[in-house]
Amino acid sequence: MNSADGTSSRSFLLLLLILFGTLSVFFVLPFLQPVLLGGLLAYLVYPVNQRLTPRLGRTGGAAVTMLATITVIVVPLLFILSAAASQAATLLRGAKLPDTEAVDAFSQEQFGTNAPTVETLSGPVSNAVQTGIGGVVGDIGGILSGISAFLVGGFIFLFTLFFLLRDGNKFIAWLRTAVPLDTKTTDALFERTNDLLWAAVIGNVIVAAVQAILTVLGFLVIGFDNLIFWGVTTFVLSLLPVIGASVVWIPAVIYLVFVGSIPEAVGLLIYGSFIISGSDNIIRPLAMERGAKLNSGILILSIFGGVAVFGFIGLFVGPVVIGLTKTIVELLADKRADPSSS
């Protein structure tokens, strides 16, 4: 084959790659969240799978690891989320509505006798609520479609988890041979990806879990109810930069002051400041020793941007994507500075 034929063949292969690669992306996009979730969970439990594979084989080790993961992690997590949702509903039902007469009096005092009252405002609101409820109840087809989508997503999640556990090594080996990069650059990318995944998945989860447990213990001593809800809320907020557990315990301190429980409020303020929030300064550097090494502003953007694009799973995917982008730019800068390394 002469050089012209080789160039033509390569160009045609690239065209086919663009065509079929684009189609593949469109095929995966509707199920991106369960695929990403399965991949992250496979990364989390892969060390267990590595220990089981020599004894049970690749398929047996992956099956046992997947069943153990569902039993130990997924099922308890679903129960916890269900209990948290139930407790959240209890909190909403127990919330006291303001005195409508007092609200009307305040409104008229501030805005005059022509100010709208709670009764006049309740009519349009009630109609809007009834219309919304009617739409939700009437859309049986949408509900069934949602159930079907959930089942399909669950199947894809389990499929991804199992095959990444079983064939993850083969997939990584294929990537190493397929990417048109030298060995040093490929190793640097894989090492950086591993560090970013560790920081985003394991490091952040450890920090959030510790802060959630500490918050629940503090609330338990004070005598708060619905502890599962507060624990889940603290865990989720602790995954977010800047926000953290303080968004939960500081309002609790304010509430205790308003109800006259001053000693409890002072105790929670000290405990929250030094133990709950202070633990972040101790645990995060240890848990994220192999950290993302991203600027704080970029880290915040990557997390919230990831949530906006990928949903909840973007909490973990966002920093990985931004971190890899930064790494690729640095590798390109190195190659520009030292062309002989390419």
C-alpha atoms as a PDB file:
ATOM      1  CA  MET A   1       0.000   0.000   0.000  1.00  0.00           C
ATOM      2  CA  ASN A   2       1.478   3.368  -1.032  1.00  0.00           C
ATOM      3  CA  SER A   3       1.403   6.487   1.158  1.00  0.00           C
ATOM      4  CA  ALA A   4      -1.583   7.980  -0.716  1.00  0.00           C
ATOM      5  CA  ASP A   5      -3.653   4.877  -0.089  1.00  0.00           C
ATOM      6  CA  GLY A   6      -2.562   4.888   3.567  1.00  0.00           C
ATOM      7  CA  THR A   7      -3.570   8.526   3.979  1.00  0.00           C
ATOM      8  CA  SER A   8      -6.922   7.903   2.279  1.00  0.00           C
ATOM      9  CA  SER A   9      -7.573   4.833   4.436  1.00  0.00           C
ATOM     10  CA  ARG A  10      -6.711   6.741   7.617  1.00  0.00           C
ATOM     11  CA  SER A  11      -8.952   9.657   6.644  1.00  0.00           C
ATOM     12  CA  PHE A  12     -11.859   7.330   5.953  1.00  0.00           C
ATOM     13  CA  LEU A  13     -11.347   5.526   9.275  1.00  0.00           C
ATOM     14  CA  LEU A  14     -11.368   8.886  11.091  1.00  0.00           C
ATOM     15  CA  LEU A  15     -14.601   9.797   9.294  1.00  0.00           C
ATOM     16  CA  LEU A  16     -16.148   6.490  10.363  1.00  0.00           C
ATOM     17  CA  LEU A  17     -14.937   7.057  13.925  1.00  0.00           C
ATOM     18  CA  ILE A  18     -16.588  10.487  14.054  1.00  0.00           C
ATOM     19  CA  LEU A  19     -19.824   9.082  12.613  1.00  0.00           C
ATOM     20  CA  PHE A  20     -20.123   6.009  14.810  1.00  0.00           C
ATOM     21  CA  GLY A  21     -18.638   7.762  17.828  1.00  0.00           C
ATOM     22  CA  THR A  22     -21.306  10.456  17.590  1.00  0.00           C
ATOM     23  CA  LEU A  23     -24.040   7.823  17.288  1.00  0.00           C
ATOM     24  CA  SER A  24     -22.597   5.979  20.295  1.00  0.00           C
ATOM     25  CA  VAL A  25     -22.691   9.177  22.380  1.00  0.00           C
ATOM     26  CA  PHE A  26     -26.355   9.677  21.498  1.00  0.00           C
ATOM     27  CA  PHE A  27     -27.069   6.063  22.489  1.00  0.00           C
ATOM     28  CA  VAL A  28     -25.419   6.481  25.891  1.00  0.00           C
ATOM     29  CA  LEU A  29     -26.661   9.982  26.784  1.00  0.00           C
ATOM     30  CA  PRO A  30     -30.187   8.926  27.924  1.00  0.00           C
ATOM     31  CA  PHE A  31     -28.595   6.508  30.413  1.00  0.00           C
ATOM     32  CA  LEU A  32     -25.561   8.569  31.363  1.00  0.00           C
ATOM     33  CA  GLN A  33     -26.447   8.854  35.057  1.00  0.00           C
ATOM     34  CA  PRO A  34     -26.852   5.101  35.756  1.00  0.00           C
ATOM     35  CA  VAL A  35     -23.699   4.405  33.720  1.00  0.00           C
ATOM     36  CA  LEU A  36     -21.706   6.967  35.710  1.00  0.00           C
ATOM     37  CA  LEU A  37     -23.166   5.734  38.995  1.00  0.00           C
ATOM     38  CA  GLY A  38     -22.273   2.143  38.121  1.00  0.00           C
ATOM     39  CA  GLY A  39     -18.756   3.222  37.175  1.00  0.00           C
ATOM     40  CA  LEU A  40     -18.198   5.184  40.390  1.00  0.00           C
ATOM     41  CA  LEU A  41     -19.529   2.361  42.544  1.00  0.00           C
ATOM     42  CA  ALA A  42     -17.355  -0.147  40.669  1.00  0.00           C
ATOM     43  CA  TYR A  43     -14.337   2.037  41.421  1.00  0.00           C
ATOM     44  CA  LEU A  44     -15.341   2.165  45.082  1.00  0.00           C
ATOM     45  CA  VAL A  45     -15.638  -1.606  45.579  1.00  0.00           C
ATOM     46  CA  TYR A  46     -12.972  -2.706  43.089  1.00  0.00           C
ATOM     47  CA  PRO A  47     -10.419  -3.553  45.841  1.00  0.00           C
ATOM     48  CA  VAL A  48     -12.896  -6.119  47.226  1.00  0.00           C
ATOM     49  CA  ASN A  49     -13.339  -7.591  43.763  1.00  0.00           C
ATOM     50  CA  GLN A  50      -9.567  -7.919  43.360  1.00  0.00           C
ATOM     51  CA  ARG A  51      -9.384 -10.028  46.519  1.00  0.00           C
ATOM     52  CA  LEU A  52     -12.216 -12.317  45.437  1.00  0.00           C
ATOM     53  CA  THR A  53     -11.198 -12.832  41.801  1.00  0.00           C
ATOM     54  CA  PRO A  54      -8.222 -15.184  42.461  1.00  0.00           C
ATOM     55  CA  ARG A  55     -10.504 -17.476  44.476  1.00  0.00           C
ATOM     56  CA  LEU A  56     -13.760 -17.290  42.515  1.00  0.00           C
ATOM     57  CA  GLY A  57     -12.640 -16.313  39.024  1.00  0.00           C
ATOM     58  CA  ARG A  58     -13.461 -13.082  37.194  1.00  0.00           C
ATOM     59  CA  THR A  59     -17.183 -13.797  36.725  1.00  0.00           C
ATOM     60  CA  GLY A  60     -17.717 -15.295  40.178  1.00  0.00           C
ATOM     61  CA  GLY A  61     -15.760 -12.555  41.922  1.00  0.00           C
ATOM     62  CA  ALA A  62     -17.674  -9.826  40.070  1.00  0.00           C
ATOM     63  CA  ALA A  63     -21.043 -11.466  40.851  1.00  0.00           C
ATOM     64  CA  VAL A  64     -20.284 -11.866  44.558  1.00  0.00           C
ATOM     65  CA  THR A  65     -18.893  -8.323  44.791  1.00  0.00           C
ATOM     66  CA  MET A  66     -21.981  -6.920  43.066  1.00  0.00           C
ATOM     67  CA  LEU A  67     -24.385  -8.839  45.334  1.00  0.00           C
ATOM     68  CA  ALA A  68     -22.425  -7.784  48.416  1.00  0.00           C
ATOM     69  CA  THR A  69     -22.447  -4.159  47.226  1.00  0.00           C
ATOM     70  CA  ILE A  70     -26.220  -4.217  46.707  1.00  0.00           C
ATOM     71  CA  THR A  71     -26.767  -5.842  50.106  1.00  0.00           C
ATOM     72  CA  VAL A  72     -24.340  -3.732  52.130  1.00  0.00           C
ATOM     73  CA  ILE A  73     -24.536  -0.363  50.347  1.00  0.00           C
ATOM     74  CA  VAL A  74     -27.445   0.027  47.920  1.00  0.00           C
ATOM     75  CA  VAL A  75     -30.301  -1.541  49.924  1.00  0.00           C
ATOM     76  CA  PRO A  76     -29.431   0.177  53.255  1.00  0.00           C
ATOM     77  CA  LEU A  77     -29.001   3.456  51.366  1.00  0.00           C
ATOM     78  CA  LEU A  78     -32.469   3.117  49.848  1.00  0.00           C
ATOM     79  CA  PHE A  79     -33.947   2.417  53.296  1.00  0.00           C
ATOM     80  CA  ILE A  80     -32.168   5.437  54.749  1.00  0.00           C
ATOM     81  CA  LEU A  81     -33.387   7.691  51.935  1.00  0.00           C
ATOM     82  CA  SER A  82     -36.922   6.347  52.342  1.00  0.00           C
ATOM     83  CA  ALA A  83     -36.831   6.994  56.098  1.00  0.00           C
ATOM     84  CA  ALA A  84     -35.407  10.488  55.512  1.00  0.00           C
ATOM     85  CA  ALA A  85     -38.223  11.277  53.053  1.00  0.00           C
ATOM     86  CA  SER A  86     -40.797  10.014  55.559  1.00  0.00           C
ATOM     87  CA  GLN A  87     -39.308  12.149  58.336  1.00  0.00           C
ATOM     88  CA  ALA A  88     -39.219  15.168  56.026  1.00  0.00           C
ATOM     89  CA  ALA A  89     -42.938  14.694  55.372  1.00  0.00           C
ATOM     90  CA  THR A  90     -43.503  14.473  59.128  1.00  0.00           C
ATOM     91  CA  LEU A  91     -41.648  17.743  59.643  1.00  0.00           C
ATOM     92  CA  LEU A  92     -43.744  19.465  56.971  1.00  0.00           C
ATOM     93  CA  ARG A  93     -46.986  18.170  58.475  1.00  0.00           C
ATOM     94  CA  GLY A  94     -45.907  19.331  61.925  1.00  0.00           C
ATOM     95  CA  ALA A  95     -44.957  22.818  60.763  1.00  0.00           C
ATOM     96  CA  LYS A  96     -47.362  25.419  62.171  1.00  0.00           C
ATOM     97  CA  LEU A  97     -48.912  27.871  59.741  1.00  0.00           C
ATOM     98  CA  PRO A  98     -48.866  31.536  60.757  1.00  0.00           C
ATOM     99  CA  ASP A  99     -51.942  33.159  62.293  1.00  0.00           C
ATOM    100  CA  THR A 100     -53.843  34.520  59.285  1.00  0.00           C
ATOM    101  CA  GLU A 101     -55.440  37.354  61.288  1.00  0.00           C
ATOM    102  CA  ALA A 102     -52.029  38.504  62.459  1.00  0.00           C
ATOM    103  CA  VAL A 103     -50.703  38.363  58.910  1.00  0.00           C
ATOM    104  CA  ASP A 104     -53.667  40.388  57.606  1.00  0.00           C
ATOM    105  CA  ALA A 105     -53.259  42.996  60.342  1.00  0.00           C
ATOM    106  CA  PHE A 106     -49.555  43.381  59.612  1.00  0.00           C
ATOM    107  CA  SER A 107     -50.223  43.647  55.861  1.00  0.00           C
ATOM    108  CA  GLN A 108     -52.838  46.371  56.314  1.00  0.00           C
ATOM    109  CA  GLU A 109     -50.621  48.241  58.761  1.00  0.00           C
ATOM    110  CA  GLN A 110     -47.749  48.295  56.280  1.00  0.00           C
ATOM    111  CA  PHE A 111     -49.620  48.732  52.981  1.00  0.00           C
ATOM    112  CA  GLY A 112     -53.002  50.228  53.884  1.00  0.00           C
ATOM    113  CA  THR A 113     -56.565  48.904  53.902  1.00  0.00           C
ATOM    114  CA  ASN A 114     -56.369  47.882  50.246  1.00  0.00           C
ATOM    115  CA  ALA A 115     -53.586  45.366  50.939  1.00  0.00           C
ATOM    116  CA  PRO A 116     -54.448  41.794  49.870  1.00  0.00           C
ATOM    117  CA  THR A 117     -55.443  39.450  52.685  1.00  0.00           C
ATOM    118  CA  VAL A 118     -54.614  35.787  53.139  1.00  0.00           C
ATOM    119  CA  GLU A 119     -58.177  34.903  52.116  1.00  0.00           C
ATOM    120  CA  THR A 120     -58.033  36.861  48.855  1.00  0.00           C
ATOM    121  CA  LEU A 121     -54.680  35.352  47.987  1.00  0.00           C
ATOM    122  CA  SER A 122     -55.722  31.835  48.890  1.00  0.00           C
ATOM    123  CA  GLY A 123     -58.264  31.619  46.046  1.00  0.00           C
ATOM    124  CA  PRO A 124     -55.806  31.808  43.110  1.00  0.00           C
ATOM    125  CA  VAL A 125     -53.275  29.702  45.003  1.00  0.00           C
ATOM    126  CA  SER A 126     -55.917  27.057  45.718  1.00  0.00           C
ATOM    127  CA  ASN A 127     -56.959  27.000  42.069  1.00  0.00           C
ATOM    128  CA  ALA A 128     -53.351  26.663  40.959  1.00  0.00           C
ATOM    129  CA  VAL A 129     -52.764  23.820  43.404  1.00  0.00           C
ATOM    130  CA  GLN A 130     -55.927  22.019  42.255  1.00  0.00           C
ATOM    131  CA  THR A 131     -54.877  22.401  38.626  1.00  0.00           C
ATOM    132  CA  GLY A 132     -51.417  21.062  39.419  1.00  0.00           C
ATOM    133  CA  ILE A 133     -52.791  18.105  41.371  1.00  0.00           C
ATOM    134  CA  GLY A 134     -55.228  17.337  38.576  1.00  0.00           C
ATOM    135  CA  GLY A 135     -52.405  17.323  36.071  1.00  0.00           C
ATOM    136  CA  VAL A 136     -50.271  15.031  38.221  1.00  0.00           C
ATOM    137  CA  VAL A 137     -53.075  12.602  38.975  1.00  0.00           C
ATOM    138  CA  GLY A 138     -54.293  12.574  35.412  1.00  0.00           C
ATOM    139  CA  ASP A 139     -50.916  11.841  33.890  1.00  0.00           C
ATOM    140  CA  ILE A 140     -51.002   8.089  34.488  1.00  0.00           C
ATOM    141  CA  GLY A 141     -49.023   7.460  31.345  1.00  0.00           C
ATOM    142  CA  GLY A 142     -46.223   9.725  32.636  1.00  0.00           C
ATOM    143  CA  ILE A 143     -46.106   7.837  35.921  1.00  0.00           C
ATOM    144  CA  LEU A 144     -45.881   4.482  34.159  1.00  0.00           C
ATOM    145  CA  SER A 145     -43.215   5.882  31.866  1.00  0.00           C
ATOM    146  CA  GLY A 146     -41.257   7.051  34.908  1.00  0.00           C
ATOM    147  CA  ILE A 147     -41.454   3.582  36.453  1.00  0.00           C
ATOM    148  CA  SER A 148     -40.247   2.009  33.206  1.00  0.00           C
ATOM    149  CA  ALA A 149     -37.374   4.483  32.970  1.00  0.00           C
ATOM    150  CA  PHE A 150     -36.406   3.689  36.578  1.00  0.00           C
ATOM    151  CA  LEU A 151     -36.364  -0.048  35.889  1.00  0.00           C
ATOM    152  CA  VAL A 152     -34.312   0.391  32.710  1.00  0.00           C
ATOM    153  CA  GLY A 153     -31.923   2.712  34.519  1.00  0.00           C
ATOM    154  CA  GLY A 154     -31.571   0.191  37.344  1.00  0.00           C
ATOM    155  CA  PHE A 155     -30.773  -2.593  34.885  1.00  0.00           C
ATOM    156  CA  ILE A 156     -28.144  -0.473  33.122  1.00  0.00           C
ATOM    157  CA  PHE A 157     -26.634   0.475  36.478  1.00  0.00           C
ATOM    158  CA  LEU A 158     -26.278  -3.205  37.488  1.00  0.00           C
ATOM    159  CA  PHE A 159     -25.010  -4.134  34.011  1.00  0.00           C
ATOM    160  CA  THR A 160     -22.339  -1.409  34.158  1.00  0.00           C
ATOM    161  CA  LEU A 161     -21.324  -2.328  37.701  1.00  0.00           C
ATOM    162  CA  PHE A 162     -20.961  -6.041  36.918  1.00  0.00           C
ATOM    163  CA  PHE A 163     -19.013  -5.750  33.676  1.00  0.00           C
ATOM    164  CA  LEU A 164     -16.663  -3.061  34.996  1.00  0.00           C
ATOM    165  CA  LEU A 165     -15.895  -5.308  37.956  1.00  0.00           C
ATOM    166  CA  ARG A 166     -15.384  -8.325  35.724  1.00  0.00           C
ATOM    167  CA  ASP A 167     -13.637  -6.719  32.745  1.00  0.00           C
ATOM    168  CA  GLY A 168     -12.315  -3.468  34.209  1.00  0.00           C
ATOM    169  CA  ASN A 169      -8.683  -4.553  33.830  1.00  0.00           C
ATOM    170  CA  LYS A 170      -9.252  -5.472  30.184  1.00  0.00           C
ATOM    171  CA  PHE A 171     -10.942  -2.141  29.522  1.00  0.00           C
ATOM    172  CA  ILE A 172      -8.031  -0.213  31.055  1.00  0.00           C
ATOM    173  CA  ALA A 173      -5.530  -2.302  29.076  1.00  0.00           C
ATOM    174  CA  TRP A 174      -7.462  -1.620  25.861  1.00  0.00           C
ATOM    175  CA  LEU A 175      -7.486   2.118  26.576  1.00  0.00           C
ATOM    176  CA  ARG A 176      -3.730   2.081  27.111  1.00  0.00           C
ATOM    177  CA  THR A 177      -3.154   0.508  23.710  1.00  0.00           C
ATOM    178  CA  ALA A 178      -5.860   2.474  21.885  1.00  0.00           C
ATOM    179  CA  VAL A 179      -4.993   6.047  22.890  1.00  0.00           C
ATOM    180  CA  PRO A 180      -2.371   7.584  20.561  1.00  0.00           C
ATOM    181  CA  LEU A 181      -0.109   8.746  23.404  1.00  0.00           C
ATOM    182  CA  ASP A 182       3.335   7.760  24.598  1.00  0.00           C
ATOM    183  CA  THR A 183       3.571   5.527  27.667  1.00  0.00           C
ATOM    184  CA  LYS A 184       4.729   8.299  30.013  1.00  0.00           C
ATOM    185  CA  THR A 185       1.821  10.600  29.125  1.00  0.00           C
ATOM    186  CA  THR A 186      -0.691   7.752  29.326  1.00  0.00           C
ATOM    187  CA  ASP A 187       0.586   6.744  32.763  1.00  0.00           C
ATOM    188  CA  ALA A 188       0.355  10.354  33.962  1.00  0.00           C
ATOM    189  CA  LEU A 189      -3.263  10.620  32.779  1.00  0.00           C
ATOM    190  CA  PHE A 190      -4.301   7.349  34.404  1.00  0.00           C
ATOM    191  CA  GLU A 191      -2.558   8.217  37.659  1.00  0.00           C
ATOM    192  CA  ARG A 192      -4.192  11.639  37.753  1.00  0.00           C
ATOM    193  CA  THR A 193      -7.608  10.133  36.992  1.00  0.00           C
ATOM    194  CA  ASN A 194      -7.165   7.705  39.873  1.00  0.00           C
ATOM    195  CA  ASP A 195      -6.209  10.523  42.255  1.00  0.00           C
ATOM    196  CA  LEU A 196      -9.168  12.649  41.166  1.00  0.00           C
ATOM    197  CA  LEU A 197     -11.600   9.750  41.572  1.00  0.00           C
ATOM    198  CA  TRP A 198     -10.219   9.003  45.025  1.00  0.00           C
ATOM    199  CA  ALA A 199     -10.625  12.625  46.115  1.00  0.00           C
ATOM    200  CA  ALA A 200     -14.077  13.083  44.578  1.00  0.00           C
ATOM    201  CA  VAL A 201     -15.641   9.741  45.524  1.00  0.00           C
ATOM    202  CA  ILE A 202     -13.892   8.378  48.601  1.00  0.00           C
ATOM    203  CA  GLY A 203     -12.383  11.503  50.176  1.00  0.00           C
ATOM    204  CA  ASN A 204     -15.524  13.644  49.934  1.00  0.00           C
ATOM    205  CA  VAL A 205     -17.796  10.819  51.085  1.00  0.00           C
ATOM    206  CA  ILE A 206     -15.642  10.169  54.162  1.00  0.00           C
ATOM    207  CA  VAL A 207     -15.675  13.842  55.143  1.00  0.00           C
ATOM    208  CA  ALA A 208     -19.433  14.182  54.577  1.00  0.00           C
ATOM    209  CA  ALA A 209     -20.195  10.958  56.473  1.00  0.00           C
ATOM    210  CA  VAL A 210     -18.139  12.023  59.506  1.00  0.00           C
ATOM    211  CA  GLN A 211     -19.821  15.441  59.634  1.00  0.00           C
ATOM    212  CA  ALA A 212     -23.267  13.853  59.285  1.00  0.00           C
ATOM    213  CA  ILE A 213     -22.565  11.414  62.139  1.00  0.00           C
ATOM    214  CA  LEU A 214     -21.230  14.186  64.384  1.00  0.00           C
ATOM    215  CA  THR A 215     -24.290  16.346  63.645  1.00  0.00           C
ATOM    216  CA  VAL A 216     -26.686  13.501  64.425  1.00  0.00           C
ATOM    217  CA  LEU A 217     -24.882  12.786  67.718  1.00  0.00           C
ATOM    218  CA  GLY A 218     -25.167  16.441  68.708  1.00  0.00           C
ATOM    219  CA  PHE A 219     -28.866  16.564  67.826  1.00  0.00           C
ATOM    220  CA  LEU A 220     -29.437  13.286  69.693  1.00  0.00           C
ATOM    221  CA  VAL A 221     -27.957  14.697  72.917  1.00  0.00           C
ATOM    222  CA  ILE A 222     -30.093  17.845  72.625  1.00  0.00           C
ATOM    223  CA  GLY A 223     -33.226  15.781  71.982  1.00  0.00           C
ATOM    224  CA  PHE A 224     -34.122  16.573  68.381  1.00  0.00           C
ATOM    225  CA  ASP A 225     -36.341  14.143  66.481  1.00  0.00           C
ATOM    226  CA  ASN A 226     -36.146  12.986  62.840  1.00  0.00           C
ATOM    227  CA  LEU A 227     -32.431  12.289  63.108  1.00  0.00           C
ATOM    228  CA  ILE A 228     -32.229  10.297  59.864  1.00  0.00           C
ATOM    229  CA  PHE A 229     -33.526  13.277  57.909  1.00  0.00           C
ATOM    230  CA  TRP A 230     -31.023  15.630  59.540  1.00  0.00           C
ATOM    231  CA  GLY A 231     -28.204  13.140  58.970  1.00  0.00           C
ATOM    232  CA  VAL A 232     -28.987  12.739  55.260  1.00  0.00           C
ATOM    233  CA  THR A 233     -29.380  16.505  54.843  1.00  0.00           C
ATOM    234  CA  THR A 234     -26.039  17.152  56.539  1.00  0.00           C
ATOM    235  CA  PHE A 235     -24.337  14.480  54.443  1.00  0.00           C
ATOM    236  CA  VAL A 236     -25.563  15.959  51.146  1.00  0.00           C
ATOM    237  CA  LEU A 237     -24.731  19.549  52.141  1.00  0.00           C
ATOM    238  CA  SER A 238     -21.281  18.520  53.392  1.00  0.00           C
ATOM    239  CA  LEU A 239     -20.476  17.290  49.882  1.00  0.00           C
ATOM    240  CA  LEU A 240     -20.853  20.866  48.659  1.00  0.00           C
ATOM    241  CA  PRO A 241     -17.927  23.276  49.053  1.00  0.00           C
ATOM    242  CA  VAL A 242     -18.356  26.371  51.265  1.00  0.00           C
ATOM    243  CA  ILE A 243     -21.839  25.271  52.423  1.00  0.00           C
ATOM    244  CA  GLY A 244     -21.139  22.227  54.587  1.00  0.00           C
ATOM    245  CA  ALA A 245     -22.734  21.061  57.831  1.00  0.00           C
ATOM    246  CA  SER A 246     -22.970  24.571  59.290  1.00  0.00           C
ATOM    247  CA  VAL A 247     -26.091  25.172  57.191  1.00  0.00           C
ATOM    248  CA  VAL A 248     -27.783  22.552  59.367  1.00  0.00           C
ATOM    249  CA  TRP A 249     -26.480  23.181  62.885  1.00  0.00           C
ATOM    250  CA  ILE A 250     -26.439  27.020  62.798  1.00  0.00           C
ATOM    251  CA  PRO A 251     -30.227  27.256  62.129  1.00  0.00           C
ATOM    252  CA  ALA A 252     -30.671  24.681  64.914  1.00  0.00           C
ATOM    253  CA  VAL A 253     -28.788  27.016  67.295  1.00  0.00           C
ATOM    254  CA  ILE A 254     -31.013  29.929  66.248  1.00  0.00           C
ATOM    255  CA  TYR A 255     -34.118  27.785  66.782  1.00  0.00           C
ATOM    256  CA  LEU A 256     -32.980  26.815  70.289  1.00  0.00           C
ATOM    257  CA  VAL A 257     -32.433  30.505  71.138  1.00  0.00           C
ATOM    258  CA  PHE A 258     -35.941  31.395  69.940  1.00  0.00           C
ATOM    259  CA  VAL A 259     -37.571  28.649  72.010  1.00  0.00           C
ATOM    260  CA  GLY A 260     -35.626  29.699  75.100  1.00  0.00           C
ATOM    261  CA  SER A 261     -33.231  26.722  75.315  1.00  0.00           C
ATOM    262  CA  ILE A 262     -30.183  28.913  75.848  1.00  0.00           C
ATOM    263  CA  PRO A 263     -27.849  26.319  77.475  1.00  0.00           C
ATOM    264  CA  GLU A 264     -28.580  23.857  74.635  1.00  0.00           C
ATOM    265  CA  ALA A 265     -28.024  26.616  72.050  1.00  0.00           C
ATOM    266  CA  VAL A 266     -24.666  27.581  73.568  1.00  0.00           C
ATOM    267  CA  GLY A 267     -23.631  23.937  73.789  1.00  0.00           C
ATOM    268  CA  LEU A 268     -24.562  23.244  70.170  1.00  0.00           C
ATOM    269  CA  LEU A 269     -22.794  26.432  69.048  1.00  0.00           C
ATOM    270  CA  ILE A 270     -19.550  25.346  70.706  1.00  0.00           C
ATOM    271  CA  TYR A 271     -19.923  21.726  69.580  1.00  0.00           C
ATOM    272  CA  GLY A 272     -20.784  22.753  66.008  1.00  0.00           C
ATOM    273  CA  SER A 273     -17.942  25.267  65.726  1.00  0.00           C
ATOM    274  CA  PHE A 274     -15.147  23.152  67.159  1.00  0.00           C
ATOM    275  CA  ILE A 275     -16.245  19.539  66.602  1.00  0.00           C
ATOM    276  CA  ILE A 276     -18.557  19.386  63.557  1.00  0.00           C
ATOM    277  CA  SER A 277     -17.075  22.143  61.400  1.00  0.00           C
ATOM    278  CA  GLY A 278     -13.623  21.830  62.968  1.00  0.00           C
ATOM    279  CA  SER A 279     -13.458  18.166  61.970  1.00  0.00           C
ATOM    280  CA  ASP A 280     -13.419  19.255  58.331  1.00  0.00           C
ATOM    281  CA  ASN A 281     -10.017  20.900  58.799  1.00  0.00           C
ATOM    282  CA  ILE A 282      -8.574  17.686  60.256  1.00  0.00           C
ATOM    283  CA  ILE A 283     -10.304  14.929  58.290  1.00  0.00           C
ATOM    284  CA  ARG A 284     -10.398  16.469  54.815  1.00  0.00           C
ATOM    285  CA  PRO A 285      -6.599  16.767  54.410  1.00  0.00           C
ATOM    286  CA  LEU A 286      -6.215  13.135  55.575  1.00  0.00           C
ATOM    287  CA  ALA A 287      -9.090  11.726  53.512  1.00  0.00           C
ATOM    288  CA  MET A 288      -8.079  13.686  50.426  1.00  0.00           C
ATOM    289  CA  GLU A 289      -4.330  13.170  50.702  1.00  0.00           C
ATOM    290  CA  ARG A 290      -4.347  12.218  47.038  1.00  0.00           C
ATOM    291  CA  GLY A 291      -6.549  15.228  46.464  1.00  0.00           C
ATOM    292  CA  ALA A 292      -7.844  17.041  43.443  1.00  0.00           C
ATOM    293  CA  LYS A 293      -5.292  19.865  43.907  1.00  0.00           C
ATOM    294  CA  LEU A 294      -7.671  22.347  42.328  1.00  0.00           C
ATOM    295  CA  ASN A 295      -8.071  26.017  43.106  1.00  0.00           C
ATOM    296  CA  SER A 296     -11.008  26.559  45.490  1.00  0.00           C
ATOM    297  CA  GLY A 297     -12.893  28.692  42.982  1.00  0.00           C
ATOM    298  CA  ILE A 298     -12.431  26.111  40.207  1.00  0.00           C
ATOM    299  CA  LEU A 299     -13.444  23.314  42.595  1.00  0.00           C
ATOM    300  CA  ILE A 300     -16.683  25.112  43.481  1.00  0.00           C
ATOM    301  CA  LEU A 301     -17.426  25.740  39.797  1.00  0.00           C
ATOM    302  CA  SER A 302     -16.701  22.108  38.905  1.00  0.00           C
ATOM    303  CA  ILE A 303     -19.031  20.742  41.597  1.00  0.00           C
ATOM    304  CA  PHE A 304     -21.991  23.031  40.956  1.00  0.00           C
ATOM    305  CA  GLY A 305     -21.464  22.813  37.195  1.00  0.00           C
ATOM    306  CA  GLY A 306     -21.322  19.034  37.462  1.00  0.00           C
ATOM    307  CA  VAL A 307     -24.606  18.994  39.406  1.00  0.00           C
ATOM    308  CA  ALA A 308     -26.227  21.243  36.783  1.00  0.00           C
ATOM    309  CA  VAL A 309     -25.170  18.927  33.926  1.00  0.00           C
ATOM    310  CA  PHE A 310     -25.217  15.440  35.484  1.00  0.00           C
ATOM    311  CA  GLY A 311     -27.538  15.826  38.483  1.00  0.00           C
ATOM    312  CA  PHE A 312     -26.479  14.518  41.910  1.00  0.00           C
ATOM    313  CA  ILE A 313     -23.775  12.317  40.388  1.00  0.00           C
ATOM    314  CA  GLY A 314     -22.139  15.524  39.119  1.00  0.00           C
ATOM    315  CA  LEU A 315     -20.887  16.116  42.678  1.00  0.00           C
ATOM    316  CA  PHE A 316     -18.270  13.488  41.911  1.00  0.00           C
ATOM    317  CA  VAL A 317     -17.964  13.726  38.126  1.00  0.00           C
ATOM    318  CA  GLY A 318     -17.503  17.515  37.915  1.00  0.00           C
ATOM    319  CA  PRO A 319     -14.148  17.722  39.768  1.00  0.00           C
ATOM    320  CA  VAL A 320     -12.822  14.740  37.776  1.00  0.00           C
ATOM    321  CA  VAL A 321     -13.666  16.381  34.442  1.00  0.00           C
ATOM    322  CA  ILE A 322     -12.203  19.772  35.400  1.00  0.00           C
ATOM    323  CA  GLY A 323      -9.174  18.147  37.018  1.00  0.00           C
ATOM    324  CA  LEU A 324      -8.423  16.085  33.909  1.00  0.00           C
ATOM    325  CA  THR A 325      -8.816  19.183  31.738  1.00  0.00           C
ATOM    326  CA  LYS A 326      -6.222  20.954  33.885  1.00  0.00           C
ATOM    327  CA  THR A 327      -3.910  17.929  33.659  1.00  0.00           C
ATOM    328  CA  ILE A 328      -4.194  17.753  29.863  1.00  0.00           C
ATOM    329  CA  VAL A 329      -3.365  21.475  29.567  1.00  0.00           C
ATOM    330  CA  GLU A 330      -0.308  20.953  31.784  1.00  0.00           C
ATOM    331  CA  LEU A 331       0.848  17.940  29.736  1.00  0.00           C
ATOM    332  CA  LEU A 332       0.490  19.959  26.516  1.00  0.00           C
ATOM    333  CA  ALA A 333       2.496  22.791  28.081  1.00  0.00           C
ATOM    334  CA  ASP A 334       5.231  20.338  29.069  1.00  0.00           C
ATOM    335  CA  LYS A 335       5.412  18.934  25.539  1.00  0.00           C
ATOM    336  CA  ARG A 336       5.582  22.440  24.082  1.00  0.00           C
ATOM    337  CA  ALA A 337       8.456  23.284  26.433  1.00  0.00           C
ATOM    338  CA  ASP A 338      10.238  20.010  25.650  1.00  0.00           C
ATOM    339  CA  PRO A 339       9.339  18.828  22.113  1.00  0.00           C
ATOM    340  CA  SER A 340      11.743  15.896  22.410  1.00  0.00           C
ATOM    341  CA  SER A 341       9.408  14.290  25.000  1.00  0.00           C
ATOM    342  CA  SER A 342       6.642  13.728  22.421  1.00  0.00           C
END
